[in-house]
Every structure is written in structure tokens, then in C-alpha cells.
Amino acid sequence: MRIGDLASRTRVSVRALRYYEEQGLLAATRSGSGQRLYADAAVSRVRLIQQLYGAGLSSKTIAELLPCVDAKVSTPESRERLVWERDRITTQIAELTVARDRLNDIIDVTSGPSPECDYL
């Protein structure tokens, strides 16, 4: 598929896909006219990259870990990094849950009518 098709299917900009390729996160072949062509598997690859970015991993870290994903094998070092990232995300989820619960408390406490908040 061409880059525009991949962008549409993944809801990721063409610019981002080019960046992924520059960073070694995504591979493309070239047509005779020089257009980027991607395999169907690129859709799931881009979604994984997006998820990892969303979880706070850098492009460098993702590039280091993707060979393990591709080979379905990890080294002790990469496994340690995967565990560290997972634990960091787990901590982040716990912190976000506390923040959400506090916001819920604030919403509950401030739900009554108030002269200062009539404009809301």
C-alpha cells in the first residue's frame, strides 16, 4: 500500500510515517517511480508504535525494542528494559487514577448551584 493509504488506515500523518521510517521504526520498499510501498503488516506496526509513543517511550527506545518484537525473542537486557517500561507505565496509571478520582471528588463537591459559578 502507498503511504497515503497507510496514513488513512492508521489515522497517522504522512509526515509521522516518514519520521518512523527515518528512525528505523518502519520499513518501506520503493516502487519504480520512487513511491513508498508498505506491506499490510505495517498497519499493526504503526499502531504498536503509536501505542508505545502514547505510553511515553522515545523513538530511540522503541527502535531498540522492535527487533525483539520482530524476532519474538528478548535478550536479558531488552527484557529488563521491557519490564522497566511496563513498571513505569503501571506507576503512571496508578498516579492518573488518583488524579481522576480527585477530579471526580471535586466534580461531586462542586455540583451544587453556586453564585460564583452561575456562568458555567
PDB file of N, CA and C in Angstrom:
ATOM      1  N   MET A   1       0.849  -1.171   0.000  1.00  0.00           N
ATOM      2  CA  MET A   1       0.000   0.000   0.000  1.00  0.00           C
ATOM      3  C   MET A   1       0.893   1.232   0.000  1.00  0.00           C
ATOM      4  N   ARG A   2       0.385   2.321  -0.517  1.00  0.00           N
ATOM      5  CA  ARG A   2       1.138   3.565  -0.567  1.00  0.00           C
ATOM      6  C   ARG A   2       1.029   4.298   0.768  1.00  0.00           C
ATOM      7  N   ILE A   3       1.879   5.285   0.951  1.00  0.00           N
ATOM      8  CA  ILE A   3       1.967   5.980   2.225  1.00  0.00           C
ATOM      9  C   ILE A   3       0.651   6.660   2.604  1.00  0.00           C
ATOM     10  N   GLY A   4      -0.053   7.217   1.633  1.00  0.00           N
ATOM     11  CA  GLY A   4      -1.336   7.856   1.921  1.00  0.00           C
ATOM     12  C   GLY A   4      -2.373   6.853   2.407  1.00  0.00           C
ATOM     13  N   ASP A   5      -2.329   5.656   1.838  1.00  0.00           N
ATOM     14  CA  ASP A   5      -3.255   4.605   2.269  1.00  0.00           C
ATOM     15  C   ASP A   5      -2.951   4.177   3.703  1.00  0.00           C
ATOM     16  N   LEU A   6      -1.661   4.034   4.007  1.00  0.00           N
ATOM     17  CA  LEU A   6      -1.273   3.661   5.366  1.00  0.00           C
ATOM     18  C   LEU A   6      -1.668   4.756   6.350  1.00  0.00           C
ATOM     19  N   ALA A   7      -1.471   5.998   5.955  1.00  0.00           N
ATOM     20  CA  ALA A   7      -1.858   7.115   6.810  1.00  0.00           C
ATOM     21  C   ALA A   7      -3.359   7.083   7.087  1.00  0.00           C
ATOM     22  N   SER A   8      -4.156   6.840   6.072  1.00  0.00           N
ATOM     23  CA  SER A   8      -5.610   6.787   6.244  1.00  0.00           C
ATOM     24  C   SER A   8      -6.026   5.628   7.140  1.00  0.00           C
ATOM     25  N   ARG A   9      -5.434   4.472   6.922  1.00  0.00           N
ATOM     26  CA  ARG A   9      -5.826   3.285   7.688  1.00  0.00           C
ATOM     27  C   ARG A   9      -5.417   3.365   9.150  1.00  0.00           C
ATOM     28  N   THR A  10      -4.354   4.104   9.444  1.00  0.00           N
ATOM     29  CA  THR A  10      -3.860   4.178  10.816  1.00  0.00           C
ATOM     30  C   THR A  10      -4.186   5.506  11.498  1.00  0.00           C
ATOM     31  N   ARG A  11      -4.713   6.455  10.724  1.00  0.00           N
ATOM     32  CA  ARG A  11      -5.001   7.808  11.231  1.00  0.00           C
ATOM     33  C   ARG A  11      -3.742   8.476  11.771  1.00  0.00           C
ATOM     34  N   VAL A  12      -2.649   8.258  11.064  1.00  0.00           N
ATOM     35  CA  VAL A  12      -1.361   8.857  11.385  1.00  0.00           C
ATOM     36  C   VAL A  12      -0.948   9.674  10.169  1.00  0.00           C
ATOM     37  N   SER A  13      -0.356  10.821  10.410  1.00  0.00           N
ATOM     38  CA  SER A  13       0.010  11.693   9.291  1.00  0.00           C
ATOM     39  C   SER A  13       1.117  11.078   8.439  1.00  0.00           C
ATOM     40  N   VAL A  14       1.140  11.479   7.187  1.00  0.00           N
ATOM     41  CA  VAL A  14       2.192  11.048   6.274  1.00  0.00           C
ATOM     42  C   VAL A  14       3.545  11.485   6.828  1.00  0.00           C
ATOM     43  N   ARG A  15       3.595  12.666   7.372  1.00  0.00           N
ATOM     44  CA  ARG A  15       4.835  13.176   7.955  1.00  0.00           C
ATOM     45  C   ARG A  15       5.332  12.258   9.072  1.00  0.00           C
ATOM     46  N   ALA A  16       4.418  11.811   9.941  1.00  0.00           N
ATOM     47  CA  ALA A  16       4.800  10.906  11.025  1.00  0.00           C
ATOM     48  C   ALA A  16       5.317   9.587  10.468  1.00  0.00           C
ATOM     49  N   LEU A  17       4.681   9.072   9.438  1.00  0.00           N
ATOM     50  CA  LEU A  17       5.135   7.813   8.839  1.00  0.00           C
ATOM     51  C   LEU A  17       6.532   7.964   8.257  1.00  0.00           C
ATOM     52  N   ARG A  18       6.807   9.087   7.628  1.00  0.00           N
ATOM     53  CA  ARG A  18       8.165   9.342   7.116  1.00  0.00           C
ATOM     54  C   ARG A  18       9.169   9.395   8.264  1.00  0.00           C
ATOM     55  N   TYR A  19       8.757  10.031   9.357  1.00  0.00           N
ATOM     56  CA  TYR A  19       9.624  10.104  10.535  1.00  0.00           C
ATOM     57  C   TYR A  19       9.904   8.701  11.077  1.00  0.00           C
ATOM     58  N   TYR A  20       8.877   7.871  11.176  1.00  0.00           N
ATOM     59  CA  TYR A  20       9.067   6.496  11.653  1.00  0.00           C
ATOM     60  C   TYR A  20      10.088   5.768  10.787  1.00  0.00           C
ATOM     61  N   GLU A  21       9.992   5.986   9.490  1.00  0.00           N
ATOM     62  CA  GLU A  21      10.929   5.341   8.577  1.00  0.00           C
ATOM     63  C   GLU A  21      12.347   5.870   8.811  1.00  0.00           C
ATOM     64  N   GLU A  22      12.488   7.177   8.977  1.00  0.00           N
ATOM     65  CA  GLU A  22      13.806   7.774   9.236  1.00  0.00           C
ATOM     66  C   GLU A  22      14.424   7.237  10.520  1.00  0.00           C
ATOM     67  N   GLN A  23      13.593   6.969  11.510  1.00  0.00           N
ATOM     68  CA  GLN A  23      14.064   6.476  12.805  1.00  0.00           C
ATOM     69  C   GLN A  23      14.295   4.965  12.820  1.00  0.00           C
ATOM     70  N   GLY A  24      14.001   4.289  11.723  1.00  0.00           N
ATOM     71  CA  GLY A  24      14.186   2.851  11.649  1.00  0.00           C
ATOM     72  C   GLY A  24      13.071   2.053  12.301  1.00  0.00           C
ATOM     73  N   LEU A  25      11.927   2.692  12.516  1.00  0.00           N
ATOM     74  CA  LEU A  25      10.801   2.021  13.168  1.00  0.00           C
ATOM     75  C   LEU A  25       9.880   1.331  12.168  1.00  0.00           C
ATOM     76  N   LEU A  26       9.935   1.760  10.932  1.00  0.00           N
ATOM     77  CA  LEU A  26       9.013   1.295   9.900  1.00  0.00           C
ATOM     78  C   LEU A  26       9.792   1.161   8.600  1.00  0.00           C
ATOM     79  N   ALA A  27       9.556   0.066   7.898  1.00  0.00           N
ATOM     80  CA  ALA A  27      10.267  -0.175   6.646  1.00  0.00           C
ATOM     81  C   ALA A  27       9.317  -0.070   5.464  1.00  0.00           C
ATOM     82  N   ALA A  28       9.847   0.454   4.380  1.00  0.00           N
ATOM     83  CA  ALA A  28       9.089   0.546   3.139  1.00  0.00           C
ATOM     84  C   ALA A  28       9.993   0.135   1.990  1.00  0.00           C
ATOM     85  N   THR A  29       9.370  -0.363   0.961  1.00  0.00           N
ATOM     86  CA  THR A  29      10.095  -0.569  -0.283  1.00  0.00           C
ATOM     87  C   THR A  29       9.748   0.602  -1.191  1.00  0.00           C
ATOM     88  N   ARG A  30      10.370   0.667  -2.343  1.00  0.00           N
ATOM     89  CA  ARG A  30      10.098   1.757  -3.278  1.00  0.00           C
ATOM     90  C   ARG A  30       9.608   1.177  -4.595  1.00  0.00           C
ATOM     91  N   SER A  31       8.618   1.860  -5.147  1.00  0.00           N
ATOM     92  CA  SER A  31       8.126   1.481  -6.463  1.00  0.00           C
ATOM     93  C   SER A  31       9.128   1.970  -7.511  1.00  0.00           C
ATOM     94  N   GLY A  32       8.901   1.608  -8.735  1.00  0.00           N
ATOM     95  CA  GLY A  32       9.768   2.057  -9.819  1.00  0.00           C
ATOM     96  C   GLY A  32       9.822   3.566  -9.930  1.00  0.00           C
ATOM     97  N   SER A  33       8.743   4.222  -9.537  1.00  0.00           N
ATOM     98  CA  SER A  33       8.704   5.686  -9.599  1.00  0.00           C
ATOM     99  C   SER A  33       9.152   6.332  -8.286  1.00  0.00           C
ATOM    100  N   GLY A  34       9.602   5.509  -7.328  1.00  0.00           N
ATOM    101  CA  GLY A  34      10.137   6.042  -6.083  1.00  0.00           C
ATOM    102  C   GLY A  34       9.134   6.197  -4.961  1.00  0.00           C
ATOM    103  N   GLN A  35       7.889   5.791  -5.174  1.00  0.00           N
ATOM    104  CA  GLN A  35       6.894   5.900  -4.104  1.00  0.00           C
ATOM    105  C   GLN A  35       7.137   4.836  -3.042  1.00  0.00           C
ATOM    106  N   ARG A  36       6.876   5.230  -1.783  1.00  0.00           N
ATOM    107  CA  ARG A  36       6.989   4.275  -0.685  1.00  0.00           C
ATOM    108  C   ARG A  36       5.836   3.269  -0.780  1.00  0.00           C
ATOM    109  N   LEU A  37       6.174   2.001  -0.560  1.00  0.00           N
ATOM    110  CA  LEU A  37       5.168   0.944  -0.537  1.00  0.00           C
ATOM    111  C   LEU A  37       5.332   0.161   0.762  1.00  0.00           C
ATOM    112  N   TYR A  38       4.202  -0.082   1.419  1.00  0.00           N
ATOM    113  CA  TYR A  38       4.205  -0.769   2.707  1.00  0.00           C
ATOM    114  C   TYR A  38       3.411  -2.063   2.617  1.00  0.00           C
ATOM    115  N   ALA A  39       3.859  -3.062   3.352  1.00  0.00           N
ATOM    116  CA  ALA A  39       3.121  -4.323   3.456  1.00  0.00           C
ATOM    117  C   ALA A  39       1.910  -4.096   4.353  1.00  0.00           C
ATOM    118  N   ASP A  40       0.932  -4.985   4.265  1.00  0.00           N
ATOM    119  CA  ASP A  40      -0.254  -4.874   5.115  1.00  0.00           C
ATOM    120  C   ASP A  40       0.101  -4.906   6.599  1.00  0.00           C
ATOM    121  N   ALA A  41       1.169  -5.598   6.949  1.00  0.00           N
ATOM    122  CA  ALA A  41       1.597  -5.690   8.349  1.00  0.00           C
ATOM    123  C   ALA A  41       2.016  -4.332   8.909  1.00  0.00           C
ATOM    124  N   ALA A  42       2.259  -3.361   8.043  1.00  0.00           N
ATOM    125  CA  ALA A  42       2.655  -2.027   8.510  1.00  0.00           C
ATOM    126  C   ALA A  42       1.557  -1.374   9.338  1.00  0.00           C
ATOM    127  N   VAL A  43       0.309  -1.745   9.084  1.00  0.00           N
ATOM    128  CA  VAL A  43      -0.802  -1.165   9.843  1.00  0.00           C
ATOM    129  C   VAL A  43      -0.650  -1.509  11.322  1.00  0.00           C
ATOM    130  N   SER A  44      -0.441  -2.764  11.647  1.00  0.00           N
ATOM    131  CA  SER A  44      -0.290  -3.148  13.058  1.00  0.00           C
ATOM    132  C   SER A  44       1.012  -2.602  13.635  1.00  0.00           C
ATOM    133  N   ARG A  45       2.040  -2.496  12.808  1.00  0.00           N
ATOM    134  CA  ARG A  45       3.320  -1.935  13.256  1.00  0.00           C
ATOM    135  C   ARG A  45       3.136  -0.463  13.671  1.00  0.00           C
ATOM    136  N   VAL A  46       2.452   0.303  12.838  1.00  0.00           N
ATOM    137  CA  VAL A  46       2.221   1.718  13.140  1.00  0.00           C
ATOM    138  C   VAL A  46       1.371   1.847  14.403  1.00  0.00           C
ATOM    139  N   ARG A  47       0.371   1.008  14.544  1.00  0.00           N
ATOM    140  CA  ARG A  47      -0.469   1.060  15.759  1.00  0.00           C
ATOM    141  C   ARG A  47       0.356   0.765  17.007  1.00  0.00           C
ATOM    142  N   LEU A  48       1.260  -0.207  16.920  1.00  0.00           N
ATOM    143  CA  LEU A  48       2.140  -0.513  18.051  1.00  0.00           C
ATOM    144  C   LEU A  48       3.037   0.684  18.359  1.00  0.00           C
ATOM    145  N   ILE A  49       3.618   1.278  17.342  1.00  0.00           N
ATOM    146  CA  ILE A  49       4.479   2.448  17.536  1.00  0.00           C
ATOM    147  C   ILE A  49       3.693   3.558  18.219  1.00  0.00           C
ATOM    148  N   GLN A  50       2.489   3.797  17.758  1.00  0.00           N
ATOM    149  CA  GLN A  50       1.645   4.838  18.348  1.00  0.00           C
ATOM    150  C   GLN A  50       1.340   4.540  19.819  1.00  0.00           C
ATOM    151  N   GLN A  51       1.041   3.287  20.115  1.00  0.00           N
ATOM    152  CA  GLN A  51       0.766   2.911  21.499  1.00  0.00           C
ATOM    153  C   GLN A  51       1.991   3.130  22.379  1.00  0.00           C
ATOM    154  N   LEU A  52       3.153   2.759  21.878  1.00  0.00           N
ATOM    155  CA  LEU A  52       4.373   2.916  22.664  1.00  0.00           C
ATOM    156  C   LEU A  52       4.711   4.391  22.851  1.00  0.00           C
ATOM    157  N   TYR A  53       4.534   5.189  21.806  1.00  0.00           N
ATOM    158  CA  TYR A  53       4.711   6.642  21.957  1.00  0.00           C
ATOM    159  C   TYR A  53       3.730   7.191  22.988  1.00  0.00           C
ATOM    160  N   GLY A  54       2.497   6.772  22.885  1.00  0.00           N
ATOM    161  CA  GLY A  54       1.472   7.224  23.814  1.00  0.00           C
ATOM    162  C   GLY A  54       1.781   6.856  25.262  1.00  0.00           C
ATOM    163  N   ALA A  55       2.504   5.769  25.441  1.00  0.00           N
ATOM    164  CA  ALA A  55       2.882   5.317  26.780  1.00  0.00           C
ATOM    165  C   ALA A  55       4.148   6.008  27.275  1.00  0.00           C
ATOM    166  N   GLY A  56       4.720   6.859  26.430  1.00  0.00           N
ATOM    167  CA  GLY A  56       5.872   7.642  26.858  1.00  0.00           C
ATOM    168  C   GLY A  56       7.228   7.126  26.443  1.00  0.00           C
ATOM    169  N   LEU A  57       7.277   6.106  25.598  1.00  0.00           N
ATOM    170  CA  LEU A  57       8.565   5.608  25.136  1.00  0.00           C
ATOM    171  C   LEU A  57       9.102   6.529  24.037  1.00  0.00           C
ATOM    172  N   SER A  58      10.400   6.714  24.012  1.00  0.00           N
ATOM    173  CA  SER A  58      11.032   7.539  22.980  1.00  0.00           C
ATOM    174  C   SER A  58      11.228   6.722  21.707  1.00  0.00           C
ATOM    175  N   SER A  59      11.473   7.410  20.602  1.00  0.00           N
ATOM    176  CA  SER A  59      11.712   6.693  19.349  1.00  0.00           C
ATOM    177  C   SER A  59      12.972   5.834  19.464  1.00  0.00           C
ATOM    178  N   LYS A  60      13.965   6.305  20.205  1.00  0.00           N
ATOM    179  CA  LYS A  60      15.185   5.524  20.391  1.00  0.00           C
ATOM    180  C   LYS A  60      14.885   4.223  21.138  1.00  0.00           C
ATOM    181  N   THR A  61      14.114   4.314  22.202  1.00  0.00           N
ATOM    182  CA  THR A  61      13.761   3.116  22.971  1.00  0.00           C
ATOM    183  C   THR A  61      12.934   2.165  22.123  1.00  0.00           C
ATOM    184  N   ILE A  62      11.975   2.714  21.390  1.00  0.00           N
ATOM    185  CA  ILE A  62      11.148   1.861  20.521  1.00  0.00           C
ATOM    186  C   ILE A  62      12.028   1.157  19.498  1.00  0.00           C
ATOM    187  N   ALA A  63      12.957   1.890  18.899  1.00  0.00           N
ATOM    188  CA  ALA A  63      13.855   1.291  17.902  1.00  0.00           C
ATOM    189  C   ALA A  63      14.697   0.182  18.510  1.00  0.00           C
ATOM    190  N   GLU A  64      15.086   0.341  19.766  1.00  0.00           N
ATOM    191  CA  GLU A  64      15.875  -0.696  20.436  1.00  0.00           C
ATOM    192  C   GLU A  64      15.046  -1.945  20.736  1.00  0.00           C
ATOM    193  N   LEU A  65      13.753  -1.755  20.982  1.00  0.00           N
ATOM    194  CA  LEU A  65      12.908  -2.882  21.385  1.00  0.00           C
ATOM    195  C   LEU A  65      12.217  -3.594  20.219  1.00  0.00           C
ATOM    196  N   LEU A  66      12.027  -2.905  19.107  1.00  0.00           N
ATOM    197  CA  LEU A  66      11.302  -3.524  17.985  1.00  0.00           C
ATOM    198  C   LEU A  66      11.966  -4.784  17.428  1.00  0.00           C
ATOM    199  N   PRO A  67      13.296  -4.888  17.392  1.00  0.00           N
ATOM    200  CA  PRO A  67      13.868  -6.161  16.927  1.00  0.00           C
ATOM    201  C   PRO A  67      13.427  -7.350  17.778  1.00  0.00           C
ATOM    202  N   CYS A  68      13.229  -7.128  19.072  1.00  0.00           N
ATOM    203  CA  CYS A  68      12.737  -8.205  19.943  1.00  0.00           C
ATOM    204  C   CYS A  68      11.299  -8.564  19.583  1.00  0.00           C
ATOM    205  N   VAL A  69      10.524  -7.539  19.261  1.00  0.00           N
ATOM    206  CA  VAL A  69       9.139  -7.778  18.845  1.00  0.00           C
ATOM    207  C   VAL A  69       9.134  -8.593  17.558  1.00  0.00           C
ATOM    208  N   ASP A  70       9.970  -8.187  16.607  1.00  0.00           N
ATOM    209  CA  ASP A  70      10.022  -8.875  15.313  1.00  0.00           C
ATOM    210  C   ASP A  70      10.481 -10.319  15.450  1.00  0.00           C
ATOM    211  N   ALA A  71      11.500 -10.545  16.277  1.00  0.00           N
ATOM    212  CA  ALA A  71      12.061 -11.892  16.449  1.00  0.00           C
ATOM    213  C   ALA A  71      11.268 -12.732  17.446  1.00  0.00           C
ATOM    214  N   LYS A  72      10.370 -12.055  18.219  1.00  0.00           N
ATOM    215  CA  LYS A  72       9.611 -12.730  19.268  1.00  0.00           C
ATOM    216  C   LYS A  72      10.536 -13.373  20.299  1.00  0.00           C
ATOM    217  N   VAL A  73      11.684 -12.733  20.513  1.00  0.00           N
ATOM    218  CA  VAL A  73      12.684 -13.188  21.468  1.00  0.00           C
ATOM    219  C   VAL A  73      13.306 -11.946  22.094  1.00  0.00           C
ATOM    220  N   SER A  74      13.572 -12.020  23.389  1.00  0.00           N
ATOM    221  CA  SER A  74      14.236 -10.893  24.031  1.00  0.00           C
ATOM    222  C   SER A  74      15.541 -11.349  24.662  1.00  0.00           C
ATOM    223  N   THR A  75      16.458 -10.414  24.740  1.00  0.00           N
ATOM    224  CA  THR A  75      17.718 -10.662  25.444  1.00  0.00           C
ATOM    225  C   THR A  75      17.483 -10.303  26.913  1.00  0.00           C
ATOM    226  N   PRO A  76      18.371 -10.693  27.797  1.00  0.00           N
ATOM    227  CA  PRO A  76      18.204 -10.274  29.195  1.00  0.00           C
ATOM    228  C   PRO A  76      18.135  -8.748  29.325  1.00  0.00           C
ATOM    229  N   GLU A  77      18.926  -8.030  28.537  1.00  0.00           N
ATOM    230  CA  GLU A  77      18.921  -6.572  28.596  1.00  0.00           C
ATOM    231  C   GLU A  77      17.599  -5.989  28.095  1.00  0.00           C
ATOM    232  N   SER A  78      17.131  -6.505  26.972  1.00  0.00           N
ATOM    233  CA  SER A  78      15.873  -5.975  26.424  1.00  0.00           C
ATOM    234  C   SER A  78      14.697  -6.361  27.316  1.00  0.00           C
ATOM    235  N   ARG A  79      14.738  -7.554  27.902  1.00  0.00           N
ATOM    236  CA  ARG A  79      13.675  -7.969  28.818  1.00  0.00           C
ATOM    237  C   ARG A  79      13.654  -7.054  30.048  1.00  0.00           C
ATOM    238  N   GLU A  80      14.845  -6.714  30.551  1.00  0.00           N
ATOM    239  CA  GLU A  80      14.934  -5.797  31.686  1.00  0.00           C
ATOM    240  C   GLU A  80      14.343  -4.441  31.318  1.00  0.00           C
ATOM    241  N   ARG A  81      14.628  -3.975  30.110  1.00  0.00           N
ATOM    242  CA  ARG A  81      14.078  -2.691  29.662  1.00  0.00           C
ATOM    243  C   ARG A  81      12.565  -2.770  29.504  1.00  0.00           C
ATOM    244  N   LEU A  82      12.065  -3.865  28.956  1.00  0.00           N
ATOM    245  CA  LEU A  82      10.621  -4.051  28.808  1.00  0.00           C
ATOM    246  C   LEU A  82       9.930  -4.045  30.169  1.00  0.00           C
ATOM    247  N   VAL A  83      10.512  -4.742  31.132  1.00  0.00           N
ATOM    248  CA  VAL A  83       9.939  -4.793  32.485  1.00  0.00           C
ATOM    249  C   VAL A  83       9.972  -3.401  33.101  1.00  0.00           C
ATOM    250  N   TRP A  84      11.088  -2.684  32.935  1.00  0.00           N
ATOM    251  CA  TRP A  84      11.201  -1.331  33.490  1.00  0.00           C
ATOM    252  C   TRP A  84      10.132  -0.415  32.900  1.00  0.00           C
ATOM    253  N   GLU A  85       9.942  -0.467  31.581  1.00  0.00           N
ATOM    254  CA  GLU A  85       8.929   0.367  30.922  1.00  0.00           C
ATOM    255  C   GLU A  85       7.527  -0.019  31.380  1.00  0.00           C
ATOM    256  N   ARG A  86       7.269  -1.319  31.499  1.00  0.00           N
ATOM    257  CA  ARG A  86       5.968  -1.770  31.975  1.00  0.00           C
ATOM    258  C   ARG A  86       5.694  -1.259  33.382  1.00  0.00           C
ATOM    259  N   ASP A  87       6.685  -1.358  34.249  1.00  0.00           N
ATOM    260  CA  ASP A  87       6.512  -0.895  35.625  1.00  0.00           C
ATOM    261  C   ASP A  87       6.317   0.618  35.679  1.00  0.00           C
ATOM    262  N   ARG A  88       7.031   1.348  34.827  1.00  0.00           N
ATOM    263  CA  ARG A  88       6.856   2.803  34.759  1.00  0.00           C
ATOM    264  C   ARG A  88       5.438   3.149  34.338  1.00  0.00           C
ATOM    265  N   ILE A  89       4.918   2.434  33.351  1.00  0.00           N
ATOM    266  CA  ILE A  89       3.552   2.668  32.877  1.00  0.00           C
ATOM    267  C   ILE A  89       2.544   2.318  33.968  1.00  0.00           C
ATOM    268  N   THR A  90       2.781   1.225  34.681  1.00  0.00           N
ATOM    269  CA  THR A  90       1.890   0.834  35.774  1.00  0.00           C
ATOM    270  C   THR A  90       1.838   1.926  36.836  1.00  0.00           C
ATOM    271  N   THR A  91       2.977   2.485  37.180  1.00  0.00           N
ATOM    272  CA  THR A  91       3.027   3.588  38.149  1.00  0.00           C
ATOM    273  C   THR A  91       2.274   4.803  37.615  1.00  0.00           C
ATOM    274  N   GLN A  92       2.476   5.091  36.347  1.00  0.00           N
ATOM    275  CA  GLN A  92       1.790   6.230  35.724  1.00  0.00           C
ATOM    276  C   GLN A  92       0.273   6.028  35.746  1.00  0.00           C
ATOM    277  N   ILE A  93      -0.179   4.824  35.477  1.00  0.00           N
ATOM    278  CA  ILE A  93      -1.613   4.529  35.521  1.00  0.00           C
ATOM    279  C   ILE A  93      -2.153   4.751  36.928  1.00  0.00           C
ATOM    280  N   ALA A  94      -1.415   4.293  37.934  1.00  0.00           N
ATOM    281  CA  ALA A  94      -1.855   4.477  39.325  1.00  0.00           C
ATOM    282  C   ALA A  94      -1.955   5.963  39.656  1.00  0.00           C
ATOM    283  N   GLU A  95      -0.966   6.748  39.239  1.00  0.00           N
ATOM    284  CA  GLU A  95      -0.987   8.190  39.502  1.00  0.00           C
ATOM    285  C   GLU A  95      -2.143   8.869  38.766  1.00  0.00           C
ATOM    286  N   LEU A  96      -2.388   8.460  37.544  1.00  0.00           N
ATOM    287  CA  LEU A  96      -3.511   9.025  36.785  1.00  0.00           C
ATOM    288  C   LEU A  96      -4.848   8.647  37.413  1.00  0.00           C
ATOM    289  N   THR A  97      -4.946   7.448  37.937  1.00  0.00           N
ATOM    290  CA  THR A  97      -6.170   7.012  38.605  1.00  0.00           C
ATOM    291  C   THR A  97      -6.448   7.874  39.833  1.00  0.00           C
ATOM    292  N   VAL A  98      -5.410   8.166  40.609  1.00  0.00           N
ATOM    293  CA  VAL A  98      -5.569   9.037  41.776  1.00  0.00           C
ATOM    294  C   VAL A  98      -6.019  10.428  41.331  1.00  0.00           C
ATOM    295  N   ALA A  99      -5.406  10.964  40.284  1.00  0.00           N
ATOM    296  CA  ALA A  99      -5.790  12.290  39.781  1.00  0.00           C
ATOM    297  C   ALA A  99      -7.234  12.290  39.286  1.00  0.00           C
ATOM    298  N   ARG A 100      -7.635  11.235  38.595  1.00  0.00           N
ATOM    299  CA  ARG A 100      -9.018  11.130  38.128  1.00  0.00           C
ATOM    300  C   ARG A 100      -9.993  11.080  39.293  1.00  0.00           C
ATOM    301  N   ASP A 101      -9.658  10.297  40.312  1.00  0.00           N
ATOM    302  CA  ASP A 101     -10.525  10.191  41.487  1.00  0.00           C
ATOM    303  C   ASP A 101     -10.647  11.530  42.200  1.00  0.00           C
ATOM    304  N   ARG A 102      -9.563  12.277  42.269  1.00  0.00           N
ATOM    305  CA  ARG A 102      -9.624  13.611  42.890  1.00  0.00           C
ATOM    306  C   ARG A 102     -10.505  14.540  42.071  1.00  0.00           C
ATOM    307  N   LEU A 103     -10.398  14.461  40.749  1.00  0.00           N
ATOM    308  CA  LEU A 103     -11.278  15.271  39.901  1.00  0.00           C
ATOM    309  C   LEU A 103     -12.740  14.885  40.103  1.00  0.00           C
ATOM    310  N   ASN A 104     -13.011  13.601  40.220  1.00  0.00           N
ATOM    311  CA  ASN A 104     -14.382  13.157  40.497  1.00  0.00           C
ATOM    312  C   ASN A 104     -14.883  13.736  41.812  1.00  0.00           C
ATOM    313  N   ASP A 105     -14.024  13.737  42.830  1.00  0.00           N
ATOM    314  CA  ASP A 105     -14.406  14.323  44.122  1.00  0.00           C
ATOM    315  C   ASP A 105     -14.716  15.814  43.966  1.00  0.00           C
ATOM    316  N   ILE A 106     -13.888  16.519  43.224  1.00  0.00           N
ATOM    317  CA  ILE A 106     -14.109  17.949  43.004  1.00  0.00           C
ATOM    318  C   ILE A 106     -15.412  18.183  42.256  1.00  0.00           C
ATOM    319  N   ILE A 107     -15.678  17.364  41.249  1.00  0.00           N
ATOM    320  CA  ILE A 107     -16.929  17.470  40.488  1.00  0.00           C
ATOM    321  C   ILE A 107     -18.113  17.252  41.415  1.00  0.00           C
ATOM    322  N   ASP A 108     -18.043  16.224  42.256  1.00  0.00           N
ATOM    323  CA  ASP A 108     -19.138  15.934  43.186  1.00  0.00           C
ATOM    324  C   ASP A 108     -19.362  17.082  44.166  1.00  0.00           C
ATOM    325  N   VAL A 109     -18.285  17.621  44.719  1.00  0.00           N
ATOM    326  CA  VAL A 109     -18.384  18.690  45.707  1.00  0.00           C
ATOM    327  C   VAL A 109     -18.897  19.983  45.086  1.00  0.00           C
ATOM    328  N   THR A 110     -18.554  20.221  43.849  1.00  0.00           N
ATOM    329  CA  THR A 110     -18.912  21.492  43.213  1.00  0.00           C
ATOM    330  C   THR A 110     -20.145  21.398  42.322  1.00  0.00           C
ATOM    331  N   SER A 111     -20.879  20.301  42.412  1.00  0.00           N
ATOM    332  CA  SER A 111     -22.032  20.115  41.527  1.00  0.00           C
ATOM    333  C   SER A 111     -23.241  20.934  41.916  1.00  0.00           C
ATOM    334  N   GLY A 112     -23.297  21.410  43.150  1.00  0.00           N
ATOM    335  CA  GLY A 112     -24.439  22.215  43.595  1.00  0.00           C
ATOM    336  C   GLY A 112     -24.378  23.616  43.000  1.00  0.00           C
ATOM    337  N   PRO A 113     -25.534  24.315  43.003  1.00  0.00           N
ATOM    338  CA  PRO A 113     -25.544  25.685  42.489  1.00  0.00           C
ATOM    339  C   PRO A 113     -24.709  26.600  43.371  1.00  0.00           C
ATOM    340  N   SER A 114     -24.024  27.493  42.730  1.00  0.00           N
ATOM    341  CA  SER A 114     -23.180  28.440  43.443  1.00  0.00           C
ATOM    342  C   SER A 114     -23.233  29.782  42.728  1.00  0.00           C
ATOM    343  N   PRO A 115     -23.374  30.867  43.459  1.00  0.00           N
ATOM    344  CA  PRO A 115     -23.445  32.181  42.825  1.00  0.00           C
ATOM    345  C   PRO A 115     -22.193  32.486  42.002  1.00  0.00           C
ATOM    346  N   GLU A 116     -21.019  32.005  42.429  1.00  0.00           N
ATOM    347  CA  GLU A 116     -19.793  32.280  41.702  1.00  0.00           C
ATOM    348  C   GLU A 116     -19.715  31.511  40.389  1.00  0.00           C
ATOM    349  N   CYS A 117     -20.471  30.428  40.262  1.00  0.00           N
ATOM    350  CA  CYS A 117     -20.364  29.567  39.098  1.00  0.00           C
ATOM    351  C   CYS A 117     -21.596  29.632  38.206  1.00  0.00           C
ATOM    352  N   ASP A 118     -22.450  30.655  38.374  1.00  0.00           N
ATOM    353  CA  ASP A 118     -23.660  30.726  37.568  1.00  0.00           C
ATOM    354  C   ASP A 118     -23.384  30.796  36.076  1.00  0.00           C
ATOM    355  N   TYR A 119     -22.246  31.332  35.696  1.00  0.00           N
ATOM    356  CA  TYR A 119     -21.929  31.470  34.276  1.00  0.00           C
ATOM    357  C   TYR A 119     -21.581  30.137  33.631  1.00  0.00           C
ATOM    358  N   LEU A 120     -21.269  29.100  34.413  1.00  0.00           N
ATOM    359  CA  LEU A 120     -20.958  27.800  33.858  1.00  0.00           C
ATOM    360  C   LEU A 120     -22.235  27.154  33.440  1.00  0.00           C
TER     361      LEU A 120
END
